[in-house]
Amino acid sequence: MQKPNYQFEKRRKEMEKKAKKDEKRRLKLEASRSAAASPAVDDPAPADPVEPA
């Protein structure tokens, strides 16, 4: 029977953790960029209120 390669398993786990962390960071960055670039769509009050005459 073959011995388990613990170093490989540890390295693979660390790489998976890093990839997941990078993906989360990238998604957060994209979300913050899109929120800053476009005004809020669900804003009930208009930017320039128009008073009735």
C-alpha atoms as a PDB file:
ATOM      1  CA  MET A   1       0.000   0.000   0.000  1.00  0.00           C
ATOM      2  CA  GLN A   2       1.200   3.485  -0.882  1.00  0.00           C
ATOM      3  CA  LYS A   3       2.058   5.988   1.867  1.00  0.00           C
ATOM      4  CA  PRO A   4      -0.076   9.146   1.958  1.00  0.00           C
ATOM      5  CA  ASN A   5       1.688  12.279   0.784  1.00  0.00           C
ATOM      6  CA  TYR A   6       0.793  14.686   3.567  1.00  0.00           C
ATOM      7  CA  GLN A   7       2.831  17.571   2.152  1.00  0.00           C
ATOM      8  CA  PHE A   8       0.922  17.428  -1.124  1.00  0.00           C
ATOM      9  CA  GLU A   9      -2.423  17.339   0.700  1.00  0.00           C
ATOM     10  CA  LYS A  10      -1.439  20.305   2.862  1.00  0.00           C
ATOM     11  CA  ARG A  11      -0.230  22.295  -0.149  1.00  0.00           C
ATOM     12  CA  ARG A  12      -3.437  21.485  -2.069  1.00  0.00           C
ATOM     13  CA  LYS A  13      -5.600  22.606   0.863  1.00  0.00           C
ATOM     14  CA  GLU A  14      -3.643  25.841   1.211  1.00  0.00           C
ATOM     15  CA  MET A  15      -3.984  26.532  -2.508  1.00  0.00           C
ATOM     16  CA  GLU A  16      -7.750  25.959  -2.327  1.00  0.00           C
ATOM     17  CA  LYS A  17      -8.019  28.311   0.660  1.00  0.00           C
ATOM     18  CA  LYS A  18      -6.014  30.977  -1.162  1.00  0.00           C
ATOM     19  CA  ALA A  19      -8.109  30.635  -4.325  1.00  0.00           C
ATOM     20  CA  LYS A  20     -11.333  30.953  -2.319  1.00  0.00           C
ATOM     21  CA  LYS A  21     -10.007  33.991  -0.464  1.00  0.00           C
ATOM     22  CA  ASP A  22      -8.882  35.645  -3.711  1.00  0.00           C
ATOM     23  CA  GLU A  23     -12.287  34.987  -5.302  1.00  0.00           C
ATOM     24  CA  LYS A  24     -14.081  36.578  -2.326  1.00  0.00           C
ATOM     25  CA  ARG A  25     -11.755  39.580  -2.472  1.00  0.00           C
ATOM     26  CA  ARG A  26     -12.329  39.963  -6.216  1.00  0.00           C
ATOM     27  CA  LEU A  27     -16.122  39.793  -5.817  1.00  0.00           C
ATOM     28  CA  LYS A  28     -16.056  42.397  -3.046  1.00  0.00           C
ATOM     29  CA  LEU A  29     -13.884  44.675  -5.158  1.00  0.00           C
ATOM     30  CA  GLU A  30     -16.211  44.351  -8.160  1.00  0.00           C
ATOM     31  CA  ALA A  31     -19.249  45.021  -5.978  1.00  0.00           C
ATOM     32  CA  SER A  32     -17.710  48.138  -4.474  1.00  0.00           C
ATOM     33  CA  ARG A  33     -16.649  49.409  -7.900  1.00  0.00           C
ATOM     34  CA  SER A  34     -20.089  48.889  -9.419  1.00  0.00           C
ATOM     35  CA  ALA A  35     -21.794  50.530  -6.428  1.00  0.00           C
ATOM     36  CA  ALA A  36     -19.494  53.544  -6.628  1.00  0.00           C
ATOM     37  CA  ALA A  37     -19.758  53.848 -10.415  1.00  0.00           C
ATOM     38  CA  SER A  38     -23.551  53.803 -10.701  1.00  0.00           C
ATOM     39  CA  PRO A  39     -26.047  55.640  -8.496  1.00  0.00           C
ATOM     40  CA  ALA A  40     -28.475  53.649  -6.406  1.00  0.00           C
ATOM     41  CA  VAL A  41     -31.298  52.320  -8.579  1.00  0.00           C
ATOM     42  CA  ASP A  42     -33.752  51.778  -5.751  1.00  0.00           C
ATOM     43  CA  ASP A  43     -33.417  55.332  -4.427  1.00  0.00           C
ATOM     44  CA  PRO A  44     -37.018  56.533  -3.870  1.00  0.00           C
ATOM     45  CA  ALA A  45     -36.177  60.250  -3.771  1.00  0.00           C
ATOM     46  CA  PRO A  46     -35.028  61.940  -7.002  1.00  0.00           C
ATOM     47  CA  ALA A  47     -31.723  63.805  -6.954  1.00  0.00           C
ATOM     48  CA  ASP A  48     -33.340  67.132  -8.009  1.00  0.00           C
ATOM     49  CA  PRO A  49     -36.738  67.463  -6.365  1.00  0.00           C
ATOM     50  CA  VAL A  50     -39.304  69.182  -8.561  1.00  0.00           C
ATOM     51  CA  GLU A  51     -41.836  71.267  -6.687  1.00  0.00           C
ATOM     52  CA  PRO A  52     -45.382  71.401  -8.059  1.00  0.00           C
ATOM     53  CA  ALA A  53     -46.426  74.856  -9.274  1.00  0.00           C
END
